[in-house]
All heavy atoms as atom14 arrays in JSON, in Angstrom:
{
  "sequence": "PSDIEPGNYLLRVETIGLHVASTYPGAQFYIGCVQINVTGGGSVSPAT",
  "atom14_mask": [
    [1, 1, 1, 1, 1, 1, 1, 0, 0, 0, 0, 0, 0, 0],
    [1, 1, 1, 1, 1, 1, 0, 0, 0, 0, 0, 0, 0, 0],
    [1, 1, 1, 1, 1, 1, 1, 1, 0, 0, 0, 0, 0, 0],
    [1, 1, 1, 1, 1, 1, 1, 1, 0, 0, 0, 0, 0, 0],
    [1, 1, 1, 1, 1, 1, 1, 1, 1, 0, 0, 0, 0, 0],
    [1, 1, 1, 1, 1, 1, 1, 0, 0, 0, 0, 0, 0, 0],
    [1, 1, 1, 1, 0, 0, 0, 0, 0, 0, 0, 0, 0, 0],
    [1, 1, 1, 1, 1, 1, 1, 1, 0, 0, 0, 0, 0, 0],
    [1, 1, 1, 1, 1, 1, 1, 1, 1, 1, 1, 1, 0, 0],
    [1, 1, 1, 1, 1, 1, 1, 1, 0, 0, 0, 0, 0, 0],
    [1, 1, 1, 1, 1, 1, 1, 1, 0, 0, 0, 0, 0, 0],
    [1, 1, 1, 1, 1, 1, 1, 1, 1, 1, 1, 0, 0, 0],
    [1, 1, 1, 1, 1, 1, 1, 0, 0, 0, 0, 0, 0, 0],
    [1, 1, 1, 1, 1, 1, 1, 1, 1, 0, 0, 0, 0, 0],
    [1, 1, 1, 1, 1, 1, 1, 0, 0, 0, 0, 0, 0, 0],
    [1, 1, 1, 1, 1, 1, 1, 1, 0, 0, 0, 0, 0, 0],
    [1, 1, 1, 1, 0, 0, 0, 0, 0, 0, 0, 0, 0, 0],
    [1, 1, 1, 1, 1, 1, 1, 1, 0, 0, 0, 0, 0, 0],
    [1, 1, 1, 1, 1, 1, 1, 1, 1, 1, 0, 0, 0, 0],
    [1, 1, 1, 1, 1, 1, 1, 0, 0, 0, 0, 0, 0, 0],
    [1, 1, 1, 1, 1, 0, 0, 0, 0, 0, 0, 0, 0, 0],
    [1, 1, 1, 1, 1, 1, 0, 0, 0, 0, 0, 0, 0, 0],
    [1, 1, 1, 1, 1, 1, 1, 0, 0, 0, 0, 0, 0, 0],
    [1, 1, 1, 1, 1, 1, 1, 1, 1, 1, 1, 1, 0, 0],
    [1, 1, 1, 1, 1, 1, 1, 0, 0, 0, 0, 0, 0, 0],
    [1, 1, 1, 1, 0, 0, 0, 0, 0, 0, 0, 0, 0, 0],
    [1, 1, 1, 1, 1, 0, 0, 0, 0, 0, 0, 0, 0, 0],
    [1, 1, 1, 1, 1, 1, 1, 1, 1, 0, 0, 0, 0, 0],
    [1, 1, 1, 1, 1, 1, 1, 1, 1, 1, 1, 0, 0, 0],
    [1, 1, 1, 1, 1, 1, 1, 1, 1, 1, 1, 1, 0, 0],
    [1, 1, 1, 1, 1, 1, 1, 1, 0, 0, 0, 0, 0, 0],
    [1, 1, 1, 1, 0, 0, 0, 0, 0, 0, 0, 0, 0, 0],
    [1, 1, 1, 1, 1, 1, 0, 0, 0, 0, 0, 0, 0, 0],
    [1, 1, 1, 1, 1, 1, 1, 0, 0, 0, 0, 0, 0, 0],
    [1, 1, 1, 1, 1, 1, 1, 1, 1, 0, 0, 0, 0, 0],
    [1, 1, 1, 1, 1, 1, 1, 1, 0, 0, 0, 0, 0, 0],
    [1, 1, 1, 1, 1, 1, 1, 1, 0, 0, 0, 0, 0, 0],
    [1, 1, 1, 1, 1, 1, 1, 0, 0, 0, 0, 0, 0, 0],
    [1, 1, 1, 1, 1, 1, 1, 0, 0, 0, 0, 0, 0, 0],
    [1, 1, 1, 1, 0, 0, 0, 0, 0, 0, 0, 0, 0, 0],
    [1, 1, 1, 1, 0, 0, 0, 0, 0, 0, 0, 0, 0, 0],
    [1, 1, 1, 1, 0, 0, 0, 0, 0, 0, 0, 0, 0, 0],
    [1, 1, 1, 1, 1, 1, 0, 0, 0, 0, 0, 0, 0, 0],
    [1, 1, 1, 1, 1, 1, 1, 0, 0, 0, 0, 0, 0, 0],
    [1, 1, 1, 1, 1, 1, 0, 0, 0, 0, 0, 0, 0, 0],
    [1, 1, 1, 1, 1, 1, 1, 0, 0, 0, 0, 0, 0, 0],
    [1, 1, 1, 1, 1, 0, 0, 0, 0, 0, 0, 0, 0, 0],
    [1, 1, 1, 1, 1, 1, 1, 0, 0, 0, 0, 0, 0, 0]
  ],
  "atom14_positions": [
    [[2.46, -10.51, 23.66], [2.33, -10.06, 25.05], [0.89, -9.66, 25.37], [0.19, -9.07, 24.53], [3.28, -8.86, 25.12], [4.29, -9.11, 24.04], [3.52, -9.79, 22.93], [0.0, 0.0, 0.0], [0.0, 0.0, 0.0], [0.0, 0.0, 0.0], [0.0, 0.0, 0.0], [0.0, 0.0, 0.0], [0.0, 0.0, 0.0], [0.0, 0.0, 0.0]],
    [[0.45, -9.94, 26.58], [-0.95, -9.71, 26.95], [-1.21, -8.28, 27.41], [-2.37, -7.86, 27.48], [-1.35, -10.67, 28.07], [-0.53, -10.49, 29.21], [0.0, 0.0, 0.0], [0.0, 0.0, 0.0], [0.0, 0.0, 0.0], [0.0, 0.0, 0.0], [0.0, 0.0, 0.0], [0.0, 0.0, 0.0], [0.0, 0.0, 0.0], [0.0, 0.0, 0.0]],
    [[-0.15, -7.52, 27.72], [-0.35, -6.21, 28.34], [0.06, -5.04, 27.45], [0.06, -3.9, 27.9], [0.41, -6.12, 29.66], [1.89, -6.5, 29.52], [2.3, -6.86, 28.4], [2.61, -6.45, 30.53], [0.0, 0.0, 0.0], [0.0, 0.0, 0.0], [0.0, 0.0, 0.0], [0.0, 0.0, 0.0], [0.0, 0.0, 0.0], [0.0, 0.0, 0.0]],
    [[0.38, -5.29, 26.17], [0.75, -4.18, 25.29], [-0.5, -3.42, 24.85], [-1.63, -3.92, 24.92], [1.54, -4.66, 24.07], [0.74, -5.68, 23.25], [2.88, -5.23, 24.49], [1.4, -6.06, 21.93], [0.0, 0.0, 0.0], [0.0, 0.0, 0.0], [0.0, 0.0, 0.0], [0.0, 0.0, 0.0], [0.0, 0.0, 0.0], [0.0, 0.0, 0.0]],
    [[-0.28, -2.21, 24.35], [-1.39, -1.39, 23.89], [-2.09, -2.02, 22.7], [-1.43, -2.61, 21.84], [-0.87, 0.0, 23.49], [-0.3, 0.82, 24.61], [0.27, 2.14, 24.12], [0.69, 2.2, 22.94], [0.28, 3.09, 24.91], [0.0, 0.0, 0.0], [0.0, 0.0, 0.0], [0.0, 0.0, 0.0], [0.0, 0.0, 0.0], [0.0, 0.0, 0.0]],
    [[-3.4, -1.9, 22.61], [-4.09, -2.35, 21.4], [-3.76, -1.43, 20.23], [-3.27, -0.32, 20.4], [-5.57, -2.26, 21.79], [-5.62, -1.21, 22.86], [-4.31, -1.33, 23.61], [0.0, 0.0, 0.0], [0.0, 0.0, 0.0], [0.0, 0.0, 0.0], [0.0, 0.0, 0.0], [0.0, 0.0, 0.0], [0.0, 0.0, 0.0], [0.0, 0.0, 0.0]],
    [[-4.04, -1.93, 19.04], [-3.83, -1.12, 17.84], [-3.05, -1.85, 16.78], [-2.79, -3.06, 16.88], [0.0, 0.0, 0.0], [0.0, 0.0, 0.0], [0.0, 0.0, 0.0], [0.0, 0.0, 0.0], [0.0, 0.0, 0.0], [0.0, 0.0, 0.0], [0.0, 0.0, 0.0], [0.0, 0.0, 0.0], [0.0, 0.0, 0.0], [0.0, 0.0, 0.0]],
    [[-2.66, -1.12, 15.75], [-1.96, -1.69, 14.61], [-0.47, -1.85, 14.91], [0.16, -0.98, 15.52], [-2.13, -0.81, 13.38], [-3.46, -1.03, 12.67], [-3.59, -0.75, 11.47], [-4.48, -1.49, 13.38], [0.0, 0.0, 0.0], [0.0, 0.0, 0.0], [0.0, 0.0, 0.0], [0.0, 0.0, 0.0], [0.0, 0.0, 0.0], [0.0, 0.0, 0.0]],
    [[0.08, -2.96, 14.43], [1.5, -3.26, 14.58], [2.01, -3.91, 13.31], [1.23, -4.5, 12.54], [1.75, -4.25, 15.73], [1.56, -3.71, 17.12], [0.29, -3.62, 17.69], [2.65, -3.33, 17.9], [0.12, -3.14, 18.98], [2.5, -2.87, 19.19], [1.22, -2.77, 19.73], [1.06, -2.31, 21.01], [0.0, 0.0, 0.0], [0.0, 0.0, 0.0]],
    [[3.32, -3.83, 13.1], [4.0, -4.73, 12.2], [4.68, -5.79, 13.05], [5.34, -5.48, 14.04], [5.04, -3.99, 11.35], [4.49, -3.08, 10.25], [5.64, -2.41, 9.5], [3.61, -3.85, 9.27], [0.0, 0.0, 0.0], [0.0, 0.0, 0.0], [0.0, 0.0, 0.0], [0.0, 0.0, 0.0], [0.0, 0.0, 0.0], [0.0, 0.0, 0.0]],
    [[4.47, -7.03, 12.66], [5.07, -8.18, 13.32], [6.23, -8.65, 12.45], [6.04, -8.95, 11.28], [4.02, -9.28, 13.46], [4.41, -10.58, 14.15], [4.59, -10.37, 15.65], [3.32, -11.65, 13.9], [0.0, 0.0, 0.0], [0.0, 0.0, 0.0], [0.0, 0.0, 0.0], [0.0, 0.0, 0.0], [0.0, 0.0, 0.0], [0.0, 0.0, 0.0]],
    [[7.43, -8.66, 13.03], [8.64, -9.01, 12.27], [9.14, -10.38, 12.72], [9.61, -10.55, 13.85], [9.72, -7.94, 12.48], [11.04, -8.2, 11.75], [12.05, -7.1, 12.1], [13.31, -7.29, 11.41], [14.29, -8.08, 11.84], [14.16, -8.76, 12.96], [15.41, -8.18, 11.15], [0.0, 0.0, 0.0], [0.0, 0.0, 0.0], [0.0, 0.0, 0.0]],
    [[9.03, -11.37, 11.85], [9.42, -12.74, 12.16], [10.7, -13.05, 11.39], [10.8, -12.78, 10.2], [8.29, -13.73, 11.77], [8.63, -15.14, 12.22], [6.96, -13.29, 12.38], [0.0, 0.0, 0.0], [0.0, 0.0, 0.0], [0.0, 0.0, 0.0], [0.0, 0.0, 0.0], [0.0, 0.0, 0.0], [0.0, 0.0, 0.0], [0.0, 0.0, 0.0]],
    [[11.67, -13.65, 12.08], [13.01, -13.77, 11.49], [13.67, -15.1, 11.87], [13.54, -15.57, 13.0], [13.86, -12.62, 12.03], [15.33, -12.64, 11.69], [16.07, -11.47, 12.34], [15.85, -11.2, 13.54], [16.87, -10.81, 11.63], [0.0, 0.0, 0.0], [0.0, 0.0, 0.0], [0.0, 0.0, 0.0], [0.0, 0.0, 0.0], [0.0, 0.0, 0.0]],
    [[14.35, -15.69, 10.91], [15.28, -16.78, 11.2], [16.62, -16.4, 10.59], [16.68, -15.78, 9.52], [14.77, -18.14, 10.66], [15.65, -19.17, 11.09], [14.68, -18.15, 9.15], [0.0, 0.0, 0.0], [0.0, 0.0, 0.0], [0.0, 0.0, 0.0], [0.0, 0.0, 0.0], [0.0, 0.0, 0.0], [0.0, 0.0, 0.0], [0.0, 0.0, 0.0]],
    [[17.71, -16.71, 11.29], [19.05, -16.34, 10.85], [19.83, -17.61, 10.54], [20.05, -18.44, 11.43], [19.8, -15.51, 11.92], [18.96, -14.31, 12.36], [21.16, -15.06, 11.37], [19.6, -13.51, 13.5], [0.0, 0.0, 0.0], [0.0, 0.0, 0.0], [0.0, 0.0, 0.0], [0.0, 0.0, 0.0], [0.0, 0.0, 0.0], [0.0, 0.0, 0.0]],
    [[20.23, -17.77, 9.29], [21.06, -18.91, 8.9], [22.51, -18.64, 9.25], [23.11, -17.67, 8.79], [0.0, 0.0, 0.0], [0.0, 0.0, 0.0], [0.0, 0.0, 0.0], [0.0, 0.0, 0.0], [0.0, 0.0, 0.0], [0.0, 0.0, 0.0], [0.0, 0.0, 0.0], [0.0, 0.0, 0.0], [0.0, 0.0, 0.0], [0.0, 0.0, 0.0]],
    [[23.09, -19.52, 10.06], [24.45, -19.32, 10.56], [25.45, -20.29, 9.95], [26.58, -20.4, 10.42], [24.47, -19.47, 12.09], [23.63, -18.47, 12.88], [23.7, -18.79, 14.37], [24.1, -17.03, 12.62], [0.0, 0.0, 0.0], [0.0, 0.0, 0.0], [0.0, 0.0, 0.0], [0.0, 0.0, 0.0], [0.0, 0.0, 0.0], [0.0, 0.0, 0.0]],
    [[25.08, -20.97, 8.87], [25.92, -22.03, 8.32], [27.2, -21.5, 7.68], [28.17, -22.25, 7.54], [25.12, -22.85, 7.3], [24.5, -22.02, 6.22], [23.56, -21.05, 6.49], [24.68, -22.02, 4.87], [23.19, -20.48, 5.35], [23.86, -21.04, 4.36], [0.0, 0.0, 0.0], [0.0, 0.0, 0.0], [0.0, 0.0, 0.0], [0.0, 0.0, 0.0]],
    [[27.21, -20.21, 7.26], [28.43, -19.62, 6.68], [28.74, -18.3, 7.39], [29.19, -17.34, 6.76], [28.29, -19.42, 5.16], [28.33, -20.74, 4.43], [27.01, -18.65, 4.8], [0.0, 0.0, 0.0], [0.0, 0.0, 0.0], [0.0, 0.0, 0.0], [0.0, 0.0, 0.0], [0.0, 0.0, 0.0], [0.0, 0.0, 0.0], [0.0, 0.0, 0.0]],
    [[28.51, -18.25, 8.69], [28.59, -17.0, 9.45], [29.92, -16.79, 10.15], [30.02, -15.92, 11.01], [27.45, -16.94, 10.47], [0.0, 0.0, 0.0], [0.0, 0.0, 0.0], [0.0, 0.0, 0.0], [0.0, 0.0, 0.0], [0.0, 0.0, 0.0], [0.0, 0.0, 0.0], [0.0, 0.0, 0.0], [0.0, 0.0, 0.0], [0.0, 0.0, 0.0]],
    [[30.96, -17.54, 9.79], [32.23, -17.41, 10.49], [32.92, -16.08, 10.19], [33.79, -15.64, 10.95], [33.16, -18.58, 10.15], [33.39, -18.65, 8.76], [0.0, 0.0, 0.0], [0.0, 0.0, 0.0], [0.0, 0.0, 0.0], [0.0, 0.0, 0.0], [0.0, 0.0, 0.0], [0.0, 0.0, 0.0], [0.0, 0.0, 0.0], [0.0, 0.0, 0.0]],
    [[32.56, -15.43, 9.08], [33.03, -14.08, 8.77], [31.84, -13.26, 8.34], [30.8, -13.79, 7.92], [34.09, -14.07, 7.65], [33.52, -14.64, 6.46], [35.33, -14.87, 8.05], [0.0, 0.0, 0.0], [0.0, 0.0, 0.0], [0.0, 0.0, 0.0], [0.0, 0.0, 0.0], [0.0, 0.0, 0.0], [0.0, 0.0, 0.0], [0.0, 0.0, 0.0]],
    [[31.97, -11.92, 8.44], [30.89, -11.04, 8.04], [31.25, -10.33, 6.72], [32.4, -9.88, 6.59], [30.62, -10.0, 9.13], [29.53, -9.02, 8.74], [28.19, -9.35, 8.92], [29.84, -7.79, 8.16], [27.19, -8.48, 8.53], [28.85, -6.92, 7.75], [27.53, -7.27, 7.95], [26.53, -6.42, 7.55], [0.0, 0.0, 0.0], [0.0, 0.0, 0.0]],
    [[30.29, -10.21, 5.79], [28.92, -10.73, 5.85], [28.87, -12.21, 5.53], [29.52, -12.66, 4.58], [28.19, -9.91, 4.78], [29.27, -9.56, 3.79], [30.54, -9.4, 4.58], [0.0, 0.0, 0.0], [0.0, 0.0, 0.0], [0.0, 0.0, 0.0], [0.0, 0.0, 0.0], [0.0, 0.0, 0.0], [0.0, 0.0, 0.0], [0.0, 0.0, 0.0]],
    [[28.14, -12.94, 6.3], [28.01, -14.37, 6.1], [26.67, -14.87, 6.61], [26.01, -15.67, 5.95], [0.0, 0.0, 0.0], [0.0, 0.0, 0.0], [0.0, 0.0, 0.0], [0.0, 0.0, 0.0], [0.0, 0.0, 0.0], [0.0, 0.0, 0.0], [0.0, 0.0, 0.0], [0.0, 0.0, 0.0], [0.0, 0.0, 0.0], [0.0, 0.0, 0.0]],
    [[26.26, -14.4, 7.79], [24.95, -14.77, 8.32], [23.86, -14.37, 7.34], [23.94, -13.32, 6.69], [24.72, -14.09, 9.66], [0.0, 0.0, 0.0], [0.0, 0.0, 0.0], [0.0, 0.0, 0.0], [0.0, 0.0, 0.0], [0.0, 0.0, 0.0], [0.0, 0.0, 0.0], [0.0, 0.0, 0.0], [0.0, 0.0, 0.0], [0.0, 0.0, 0.0]],
    [[22.83, -15.22, 7.21], [21.74, -14.99, 6.27], [20.45, -14.71, 7.03], [19.99, -15.55, 7.81], [21.58, -16.2, 5.35], [22.8, -16.47, 4.48], [22.62, -17.65, 3.54], [21.63, -18.38, 3.62], [23.57, -17.83, 2.65], [0.0, 0.0, 0.0], [0.0, 0.0, 0.0], [0.0, 0.0, 0.0], [0.0, 0.0, 0.0], [0.0, 0.0, 0.0]],
    [[19.9, -13.54, 6.81], [18.7, -13.1, 7.52], [17.48, -13.3, 6.63], [17.39, -12.73, 5.53], [18.84, -11.64, 7.92], [20.01, -11.36, 8.82], [21.27, -11.13, 8.28], [19.86, -11.35, 10.2], [22.36, -10.88, 9.1], [20.95, -11.11, 11.03], [22.2, -10.88, 10.48], [0.0, 0.0, 0.0], [0.0, 0.0, 0.0], [0.0, 0.0, 0.0]],
    [[16.56, -14.11, 7.11], [15.29, -14.35, 6.42], [14.21, -13.7, 7.28], [14.04, -14.05, 8.44], [15.05, -15.84, 6.24], [16.13, -16.52, 5.43], [17.24, -17.09, 6.06], [16.07, -16.55, 4.04], [18.25, -17.69, 5.32], [17.08, -17.15, 3.3], [18.16, -17.72, 3.95], [19.17, -18.3, 3.2], [0.0, 0.0, 0.0], [0.0, 0.0, 0.0]],
    [[13.48, -12.75, 6.7], [12.58, -11.89, 7.46], [11.22, -11.84, 6.78], [11.13, -11.74, 5.56], [13.14, -10.46, 7.55], [14.58, -10.46, 8.09], [12.26, -9.57, 8.42], [15.46, -9.42, 7.44], [0.0, 0.0, 0.0], [0.0, 0.0, 0.0], [0.0, 0.0, 0.0], [0.0, 0.0, 0.0], [0.0, 0.0, 0.0], [0.0, 0.0, 0.0]],
    [[10.18, -11.92, 7.6], [8.83, -11.71, 7.09], [8.08, -10.78, 8.02], [8.08, -10.98, 9.23], [0.0, 0.0, 0.0], [0.0, 0.0, 0.0], [0.0, 0.0, 0.0], [0.0, 0.0, 0.0], [0.0, 0.0, 0.0], [0.0, 0.0, 0.0], [0.0, 0.0, 0.0], [0.0, 0.0, 0.0], [0.0, 0.0, 0.0], [0.0, 0.0, 0.0]],
    [[7.47, -9.72, 7.47], [6.67, -8.81, 8.29], [5.19, -9.04, 8.0], [4.79, -9.26, 6.86], [7.05, -7.36, 8.01], [8.58, -6.84, 8.83], [0.0, 0.0, 0.0], [0.0, 0.0, 0.0], [0.0, 0.0, 0.0], [0.0, 0.0, 0.0], [0.0, 0.0, 0.0], [0.0, 0.0, 0.0], [0.0, 0.0, 0.0], [0.0, 0.0, 0.0]],
    [[4.4, -8.95, 9.07], [2.96, -9.21, 8.98], [2.21, -8.01, 9.54], [2.56, -7.48, 10.6], [2.57, -10.47, 9.78], [1.12, -10.86, 9.47], [3.51, -11.63, 9.47], [0.0, 0.0, 0.0], [0.0, 0.0, 0.0], [0.0, 0.0, 0.0], [0.0, 0.0, 0.0], [0.0, 0.0, 0.0], [0.0, 0.0, 0.0], [0.0, 0.0, 0.0]],
    [[1.18, -7.6, 8.83], [0.32, -6.5, 9.26], [-0.74, -7.05, 10.21], [-1.55, -7.89, 9.82], [-0.33, -5.86, 8.03], [0.7, -5.32, 7.04], [0.15, -5.0, 5.67], [0.87, -4.54, 4.81], [-1.15, -5.26, 5.44], [0.0, 0.0, 0.0], [0.0, 0.0, 0.0], [0.0, 0.0, 0.0], [0.0, 0.0, 0.0], [0.0, 0.0, 0.0]],
    [[-0.73, -6.57, 11.46], [-1.68, -7.1, 12.44], [-2.37, -5.96, 13.19], [-1.86, -4.84, 13.26], [-1.01, -8.05, 13.46], [0.01, -7.31, 14.34], [-0.36, -9.23, 12.74], [0.55, -8.17, 15.49], [0.0, 0.0, 0.0], [0.0, 0.0, 0.0], [0.0, 0.0, 0.0], [0.0, 0.0, 0.0], [0.0, 0.0, 0.0], [0.0, 0.0, 0.0]],
    [[-3.54, -6.28, 13.75], [-4.24, -5.38, 14.64], [-4.45, -6.1, 15.96], [-5.13, -7.13, 16.01], [-5.59, -4.95, 14.06], [-6.33, -4.0, 14.98], [-5.77, -3.0, 15.42], [-7.59, -4.3, 15.29], [0.0, 0.0, 0.0], [0.0, 0.0, 0.0], [0.0, 0.0, 0.0], [0.0, 0.0, 0.0], [0.0, 0.0, 0.0], [0.0, 0.0, 0.0]],
    [[-3.84, -5.6, 17.02], [-3.93, -6.22, 18.33], [-5.16, -5.68, 19.05], [-5.36, -4.46, 19.16], [-2.66, -5.94, 19.17], [-2.83, -6.45, 20.59], [-1.44, -6.59, 18.51], [0.0, 0.0, 0.0], [0.0, 0.0, 0.0], [0.0, 0.0, 0.0], [0.0, 0.0, 0.0], [0.0, 0.0, 0.0], [0.0, 0.0, 0.0], [0.0, 0.0, 0.0]],
    [[-5.99, -6.59, 19.54], [-7.19, -6.23, 20.29], [-7.01, -6.6, 21.75], [-6.24, -7.48, 22.09], [-8.43, -6.94, 19.72], [-8.22, -8.36, 19.77], [-8.67, -6.54, 18.27], [0.0, 0.0, 0.0], [0.0, 0.0, 0.0], [0.0, 0.0, 0.0], [0.0, 0.0, 0.0], [0.0, 0.0, 0.0], [0.0, 0.0, 0.0], [0.0, 0.0, 0.0]],
    [[-7.77, -5.92, 22.61], [-7.62, -6.17, 24.04], [-6.34, -5.54, 24.53], [-5.96, -4.44, 24.14], [0.0, 0.0, 0.0], [0.0, 0.0, 0.0], [0.0, 0.0, 0.0], [0.0, 0.0, 0.0], [0.0, 0.0, 0.0], [0.0, 0.0, 0.0], [0.0, 0.0, 0.0], [0.0, 0.0, 0.0], [0.0, 0.0, 0.0], [0.0, 0.0, 0.0]],
    [[-5.64, -6.26, 25.41], [-4.36, -5.78, 25.88], [-4.47, -4.79, 27.0], [-5.51, -4.66, 27.67], [0.0, 0.0, 0.0], [0.0, 0.0, 0.0], [0.0, 0.0, 0.0], [0.0, 0.0, 0.0], [0.0, 0.0, 0.0], [0.0, 0.0, 0.0], [0.0, 0.0, 0.0], [0.0, 0.0, 0.0], [0.0, 0.0, 0.0], [0.0, 0.0, 0.0]],
    [[-3.38, -4.03, 27.2], [-3.31, -3.09, 28.31], [-2.77, -1.76, 27.85], [-3.16, -1.24, 26.8], [0.0, 0.0, 0.0], [0.0, 0.0, 0.0], [0.0, 0.0, 0.0], [0.0, 0.0, 0.0], [0.0, 0.0, 0.0], [0.0, 0.0, 0.0], [0.0, 0.0, 0.0], [0.0, 0.0, 0.0], [0.0, 0.0, 0.0], [0.0, 0.0, 0.0]],
    [[-1.85, -1.22, 28.64], [-1.34, 0.12, 28.35], [0.17, 0.17, 28.28], [0.75, 1.25, 28.24], [-1.83, 1.1, 29.42], [-1.39, 0.69, 30.71], [0.0, 0.0, 0.0], [0.0, 0.0, 0.0], [0.0, 0.0, 0.0], [0.0, 0.0, 0.0], [0.0, 0.0, 0.0], [0.0, 0.0, 0.0], [0.0, 0.0, 0.0], [0.0, 0.0, 0.0]],
    [[0.83, -0.99, 28.25], [2.29, -1.03, 28.28], [2.86, -0.71, 26.91], [2.41, -1.25, 25.89], [2.79, -2.41, 28.75], [4.31, -2.48, 28.66], [2.33, -2.67, 30.18], [0.0, 0.0, 0.0], [0.0, 0.0, 0.0], [0.0, 0.0, 0.0], [0.0, 0.0, 0.0], [0.0, 0.0, 0.0], [0.0, 0.0, 0.0], [0.0, 0.0, 0.0]],
    [[3.85, 0.16, 26.89], [4.57, 0.52, 25.67], [6.04, 0.17, 25.89], [6.77, 0.94, 26.52], [4.4, 2.01, 25.37], [5.05, 2.36, 24.18], [0.0, 0.0, 0.0], [0.0, 0.0, 0.0], [0.0, 0.0, 0.0], [0.0, 0.0, 0.0], [0.0, 0.0, 0.0], [0.0, 0.0, 0.0], [0.0, 0.0, 0.0], [0.0, 0.0, 0.0]],
    [[6.5, -0.99, 25.41], [7.86, -1.45, 25.71], [8.94, -0.55, 25.13], [8.71, 0.19, 24.15], [7.9, -2.85, 25.05], [6.49, -3.24, 24.86], [5.75, -1.97, 24.62], [0.0, 0.0, 0.0], [0.0, 0.0, 0.0], [0.0, 0.0, 0.0], [0.0, 0.0, 0.0], [0.0, 0.0, 0.0], [0.0, 0.0, 0.0], [0.0, 0.0, 0.0]],
    [[10.13, -0.62, 25.72], [11.3, 0.05, 25.15], [11.61, -0.56, 23.8], [11.38, -1.76, 23.57], [12.49, -0.08, 26.09], [0.0, 0.0, 0.0], [0.0, 0.0, 0.0], [0.0, 0.0, 0.0], [0.0, 0.0, 0.0], [0.0, 0.0, 0.0], [0.0, 0.0, 0.0], [0.0, 0.0, 0.0], [0.0, 0.0, 0.0], [0.0, 0.0, 0.0]],
    [[12.15, 0.24, 22.89], [12.32, -0.22, 21.51], [13.74, 0.03, 20.99], [14.51, 0.78, 21.57], [11.33, 0.51, 20.57], [11.59, 1.92, 20.57], [9.89, 0.24, 21.0], [0.0, 0.0, 0.0], [0.0, 0.0, 0.0], [0.0, 0.0, 0.0], [0.0, 0.0, 0.0], [0.0, 0.0, 0.0], [0.0, 0.0, 0.0], [0.0, 0.0, 0.0]]
  ]
}
């Protein structure tokens, strides 16, 4: 987003495998977090 506050963030990237998700637990969550520093931006702080 172009208008979020600058500064340090964790970026959470995810894909969910649904091939055996007909019952729980079944869905497979593959997650990668990235350490980033956002420059520029604005002053918006989104709901979380």
